[in-house]
Structure formats: C-alpha cells, structure tokens
Amino acid sequence: MVAALPLPALHASHAGTWLRSANGETRGVAKGEAVTLAADTPALILNAPLVATRLGYPDLSGLDLLELFAFVRPAQFCVPTPKGLAHATGLPEPASDDAVPELLQRAAAVLLEQCEAADWPQREGAWSILQSLAKLRWPWAAIIAPHIARPERAEKWLFSRLPEWEESPERPQPAQVLIEENEIEGRLERLTGEGAERREGQRSYARETGGMFAPRGKDRRPHVVLAQAGTGVGKTLGYLAPASLWAERAKGTVWVSTYTKNLQRQLRQEARRAWGETRPDGSKPVVVRKGRENYLCLLNLEDALQGGFGGRAAILAQLVARWAAFSADGDMIGGDLPGWLGTLFRKRGIAALTDQRGECVYAGCPHYRKCFIERSARASAQADLVIANHALVMINAARGRDHALRPTRIVFDEGHHVFDAADSTFAAALTGQELIELRRWVIGPERNSRGRRRGLAARLADIASYDEEGGKAIAAAREGAEALPSEGWTQRLADNAPSGPLEALLAAVRALTYARDESGAQDAGYGIETEAAQLDGNFIELAGQAAAALAAIRKPLIRLGVRLEKLLEEAPDWLDAQGRQRLDGARHAMAWRIDLLSAWEALLDRLGGPADPEFVDWLAVDRNESREFDIGIHRRWLDPMKPFARVVLEPSHGVTMTSATLRDGDDWQSAIMRSGAPRIEVQPRLVQADSPFDYAAQAEVLIVTDVKKGDLAALAGAYARIIEGCGGGVLGLFTAIRRMRAVHGRIADRLARAGLPLYAQHVDPIDTGTLVDIFRDDPAASLLGTDALRDGVDVPGESLRCVVMEQVPWPKPSILHRARRAANGGSAHDDRIIRARLAQAFGRLIRSREDRGHFVVLSPAFPSRLLTAFPPGTPVTRLTLAEALQRLGSGVSESEPAVTESQDT
C-alpha cells in the first residue's frame, strides 16, 4: 500500500471530530481545537464546505482532497465521501470515522503518485495550469509541483487545443414510412438482448407507441399517444424500439424529452443499445441537448482566466479550464463536471461561466468554431435521437432560430410533468430581477462590475458607426433602459425611495402585497402574494407609466432589428460571413426580448380592466428567511396546455407522453385534458402497461396515526426511530424546508453516533444530484429532502428501503392554485394532485424485482379516498409508531398486516 502523505488530516462528522498528525497519531478533538489547528496549519480535509458546516466555522480552509481530485482526474466523478474517495483511489474503505484521516493521507499520496506516472491520461496541460494556480496561491500548488515534470515543449493553451465543429448541409425532411408491428417487436427483441425475459407488457407498449410515427393524415393534427407504463415495464426500450426503426427508415430525428437530468443520463446509456457512439463518418447519432445555461461558455472562461475572476473564484476557473480540455460535451450541469466542484467555492462561479443571460455574440465570439453549445446544436440537427428536456423542447418550438432544430416527433418521458413545464415556459413575470437583467443587456454592467459583459452599443459598435439610423436606434434603446431598475433597487424600495417609473411600480406592488396578504407567510419569513384585482387609480397610473417606459425600449429595438435585416439583405463589403452570423444572432436575441417587452406591456395594460378568464394575475414579494430578493407582477395561463397545444403539438407529426403516473387511478380524463390534445381536436391513443412487480409481496404502506401534526419533537423522534429501525436506507420527504431543517438538526448527531449518516437538502452544502449519489453509494445513509427528491430519483437495491412522508402533501394554497381549483372541480382537483404526488413518491421505493420496502406516511388522519394512489394489491395498514417500528424491523416479506384497508374504500 502507498505510504501516507505526511501532512495533518482532519475529519468531522455529526459523530465527532478526529485529527491525524503528520507522523501518524490519530485522536479525537473538540470542535474549537480542530478549528484552531486548521487555522494554524493547512490540513487535509474532504469537502471543506461540509466540514466547515459540521465545525460551525464557515471560514475553514485547507487542502481539500476534492480539489486535488478535480485537478488530477478532470471530467471524472468521485462520490465526495470517505467511502467514495476510497473506491476512486483503490484504497480500502475506512472501518470507522477515526480511520478517515489516515485514508485522506493515503488518498492524497495515490493522486500525487499518479501525477508522476508515464501513462497519466490527463497529463496534457497540467503543468501549465499548475503555474497559474501557483500564482493564485492555491494551497495544493506547492505540494503538487515536485510531482509534475516540466514538459519538453510548450503545452497548447486550452482554446487552441479544442477541436472545431464543421458545418453540415441541412438534413432533408424525413421520408414518409409506415412501420409494421412485427418489425417493432423484432427491434425490441434485438434491443433487450438474446435470452432476455419476454415481457408482454413491454411488447404491447412498444407496438402502441409506434403509432406516433405513422404518416400524418391532416395538417396540424399530429398522432398523440398517452402511455401509462408502470415501473419495471421497460418503457425506455419500449419507445426506443419504434423510434430507432423510424429514424433509420425515414432518416429523421426523434426527440426524447425528460424532466430530470437523472433520466437523461439513463436514456443515454439505454440508447447505446440502438445506436453506436458514432456513425462511419464520425458524426454522433445520439446527442444530449440542454439549454445554453448548462454549457461552459468559452468566452466567459477566457475572461475569468484573464482576470475577470478574483480570489477563490479564479482558482475555480483554472480547474474548470482543466476539465474543459477533457470534457465530452462541456455540460456543466449534470454532465461530466462533478456536481460538487462548484459548491467547494461557495459562490455562483459555475453559473458565471455559462451563458445565463442570453448574451452570446455567436459568430462574433473568437471561440465560436469551438463552442460547446454550437457543437451540440449542430450535432442535434444531424442526429437520429436527441435527448432533451421539456423546457428546451418547448422553447425550441416557440422561438427556435433554425427550422431544422424544431422537433416534430417527440416522446415526453416523465410526461406527468409536461403541464408544469408548460406552465413555466408560457408564463409572464415582470419582476425586479428580470428588469435589471434587461438593463444590463441594453446598457451593460454597472461601473464597478467585473467581467466581459457589454451593452448593446458595445456589441454593435460597428453597426452604429456605419448605419446612422441603426446608431440612433441603439442610442434610443439605451436611453430608454435608463428607466429600468439598477443596482440597489431592493434597498431603495425598502426605504420608500424608488428611482424611475419601473421602481415606482415595484414599490406600489410591494406596498399593496404587504397590505393585502393574508397567507400567514409574513411572520414565517416566506414569500407573500395577493391577487392583481381591485387596484386603485394611483396603481393603474403607475402601471401606465411603466408600460410607456417599456415601450420606449421596445420601439427602438424593433427599428434596430429592421436596420439589421436590411444590412443582411444589402451587405456592405466589410461584412463577411462571420459578421453576418453575428448580426443574425443579435437579431434573434433582440427578437425574443421584444416579445418579452410586448408581454410585459400587455400584462400592464390589462391591469384595472375586466379579468381575462384565461389568465391568472397576481402580485408577489419573493422572500427567503424574511429577506426580500424579488418583487413583481405575475401572469400564468389558467390552462397552459392551450399555448402548448398551439406551439408544440400542432406543428408536430407525432407525440407520445408517457409516465408511470400519467393518469389518476383508472381515470384517463385528467391525463387527456393535461395533454393539450382536446385543444387541437385530437383524440389521443390511450396505452396502459401494468407494472410486473408484485407489490403485495414487495411493498407495504404504513400510515402512522399517533404522530400529532405540528409536534416537531414528535416528528423528529419518529424519523430518528424509523431510521434506526431500518438501519439507514431511508428517504425522508418534507413539504416544508423549515421543518426538514429542524428535524435534521435534532437527530443528525444521534444517528451519526450509531453509524447512520444523515444528509439533507438545504442543510448540507452539496448539490442535490451529488446528495443522491452519496445516498445511493451507502446503504447505511439516509437522506431528507423536498419536492426535488419526490420524482426522478432512481435508487434501486439496498440503499433505499423505506420512504417516509412527514404528512399528506397538500397543494400550496396559492392564488394560482385557487383559480385552477375552482376551474377543475374544487376538492377533486386537490385530490388528483395529492394522489399524483403520493404515486410519484411511492415510485421511488420499488425499482427492481428484488427490491423490498415500506412507504410510511406520518398522518393521524390520512383520507381513505387517497389510497388509490398506490398500486392495486399493495397492503395498507393504519397503526401506531411503535407497531410500525416492529414491522420495519421484520421486513416486508415476513410481515402480515393485522389491520389493513382496501384501496377501494
């Protein structure tokens, strides 16, 4: 075994703190002593923000093994726990907490030893980046330096090393082909593999979903398939079988859309059964597409490397540059950049390296030909299968720049989330944060801001100097943008000293919301809201002044767009192909901002008039722990599937929406309405494939009746006893972050002392995806979370043995919910939402035929009408906590429910 690195190592958990000296002596220490020692001498630690949280010392710094790992093995993932680090470095797992410091010393030695190896696959560029990190005083730089030899020849800089993408001719429209059912079954057998279990439900599902690929008979009338497939049916291969056949025969592109990144990763693995990594010409038949904000922007990175970032953020930029050289696709959110890397640096450094604000200059960028975003977009235009997300599919359909990139054959996996995605995509929100972003786009950053951000005039300086009318339009837009909120607007509103017509309107929104809100959220520190109704004359006048100010920006932007179009039609000699692309990109960016301004003006113009029955409008002050961070006016469609049907369904030729929880019990009506199909007078094909799992033998629902609602001590005690009774492997789901934090704070130390680690969203400084990876990797660990963990989490096997819901997941009584509730059957609407949430949460429990587990709801009065959320045959028992603990200890296979309740009750 490799010798330990002779540096002190520190480990802190909820069970205690241990320090190992450079000479190999390990001892337990108090938190205060650990903080003092770490401040005096840099110590080896694993995940500094997490250790800092455990020690209660936010300024903790040291030699973080995760930073070393990111440097030595870029574009590789490591579960950021002692066990995960041991697996990644080939070392034995630590038997206990006090063995972790020695593991850190040995893991550091293994990584440093790899730097000296002749076959180190990530050697290229390491020496050069290390020199930059040394200038930034990265703590690891001096330790790594002796292990990396200076290369004989100068290393290429990242931006000269990245390959360029190539232009491809537009793909012809797909051929009209008809796929026979026997062909679909044959393809499915090939994908599942020789000797695989023959699942009739999967075969039927594949045949039925194949109907979406039939030639369309009427204009703007796509084939729509609604397919409910229970967990374990194998729906992914079920729809990939006809999709791959159609793509092969028709030479067209199929889009598969998901709601969660986890399913995107799973789909990419499954797609390898139907398509290889590359075609003979080197192009990729399968491409993962995400929004621009997910990818590394090379221009932002270059700016960060050249001084745009300071302090710790500058170190992050260097490590990201190291990763970019080895990344498969430049995807920073859910791709091969470890999710924990950004959290090590605490601030939003990762977000600043992506194109968050739509400021891309397209062909005007010196790295345009190497851009990860452009490479992905071009690859998707030539792909057989594009794996995307619901929001991107809808945005592409609504305002895609290239007709070839607009999807026409779409499978919406996780189809129960299409309504929510449409609700967000087709919403309008006139808020302070949105307005200040528009100001920055037009005018540029504030005087004391760092970075490469430029205003409209700077980005189009050559146009302003060449075209007089274009220059005047730019100047007018800039003048109009001076009326928008600027830095410090929230404080001015709190001081009742707004500046300009938009801030004056936001001040009125704030005052009226505080005056009328009756939700009880003011005292709790949450956001508050009130409906946009019965507004007085002064408010209407302020809204009119704000609308006029927005029009003063929109109109010159329209004139500028016309001038740019004329320039493109009658291009001057100095405007080369790259310049044309830059102007086209600028015109596209302006077009969607013009649409945004128009939507805001329409929203303001309707205030004070008769209510539009198709929309729900309200005023809101967004707060986090009583701190205001945004204020604005919101508008949502009462039924967002109306614009979805017009924008997404009508232009499509075939659409499938599929999920394990698509319908409500045996009722298809709500699924049909939430698909948008009735809006275009299409009768969808309904497909049902039941789960092959034996829920009666594999799972049990326990409704605990003696944990009083609102009793926080009893709730925390129940969670602790359940986790102890299960020996870990518990996923705890909460409807409120505050209660989750309180429960975690009360029980984490107690569980850690029993060898049962407890992690929690919004408590541990770790991103949600990494938290799930940690949970999946350790059967003794438990995880607490909110809505993000209720759906899309795939943890089969021993790591997830019990799901606990703290109470019935009632819908939040918001103004939007109230309106939809009134329009959709009142309490029946609530029940559908609750049953869907219960079904999604229950779906986390049984992921394979070997899984066994309990689903626990801590509810003294769980309504019997909600029991249809669980699969038919699942035993449901009402009992006390003590009785539940006995059943948890005995396991599902041995339990015999004494008092059960029919789901038909």
Foldseek 3Di string as FASTA:
>chain_A
DDDFQQAKAWEAFLQFIWIAHSVGDIDTDQLVVVQVVCVVGAHEYFLQCQRCLRSVHRVGDHNHVVLLCLLQPFLADFQRDQQRLCVVLVHDRDPARRCSRRSSRRSVRSSLQLLQDPVRPLLAPSVVLLVLVVVLVDVCSVVSVVSHDDDPDDGDALLVLFDFDDFDDFFDFWDQDDDDLVQLLVLLDQLQDPPHDDQPLLSQLLSVQLVQSHFFDDALFAAEAEAAAAFASCVLSSPVSSLLVRCVRGVAAEEEAEADLLVLVVSVVSCCSSPPQADPVRAGQEAEAEDQLQFFDVQQLVQLCVPLDHRVLNVLSSSVSSNVSPFPQRGNPSGSGHQCSCLSSPDPSSSSRTPPLLLDLQLVDPSNRRGSNVNRQSSNLNHSYYYYHLLVLLVCLVQNPDPSSNAFHYEYEVLQCNQVSLQVNPKAWDKLVVLQSVLCQACNADPPRGGDRHHPCVSPVVCVVPPVLLVVLSVQLNVLSVQHDYPPLVVCLVVVNHGHLSSVLLSVLVVVQVVPWDQPVLVVFFKTKDFLPPDDPVNLVSLVRVLVSLVSNLVSLVSNLVVLVVCLVVPDPVCDPSNNRSSSSVSSSSVVVSVSSVVSSVVSVCRPPDDDLQKTKMWMFGGDNNHTDMTTIIMGGLRSLLVVSVRPSSSHRGYYYYYNQQDQQPDCVVSVSNNSSVNSPHDHHYHYRYRPAQQLQFEAEEEAAPQDPPPLVSLLVLVLLLLVLLLAQEEEEEADPVSQVSSCVVRQSVLVSVVQHEEEPPSRSGDPVSVLVNLLVDLNYYYYYYDVVLADRARDDSSHAEYEYAAQNFDDPDSSVVSSLVVPPHVVVRLSVSLSSVLSNVSNQHNDNPHHHYYYYHYNCDDLQSLSSDDANHWYAYDHSVVVSVDSNVTRNPDDHPDTDHSVD
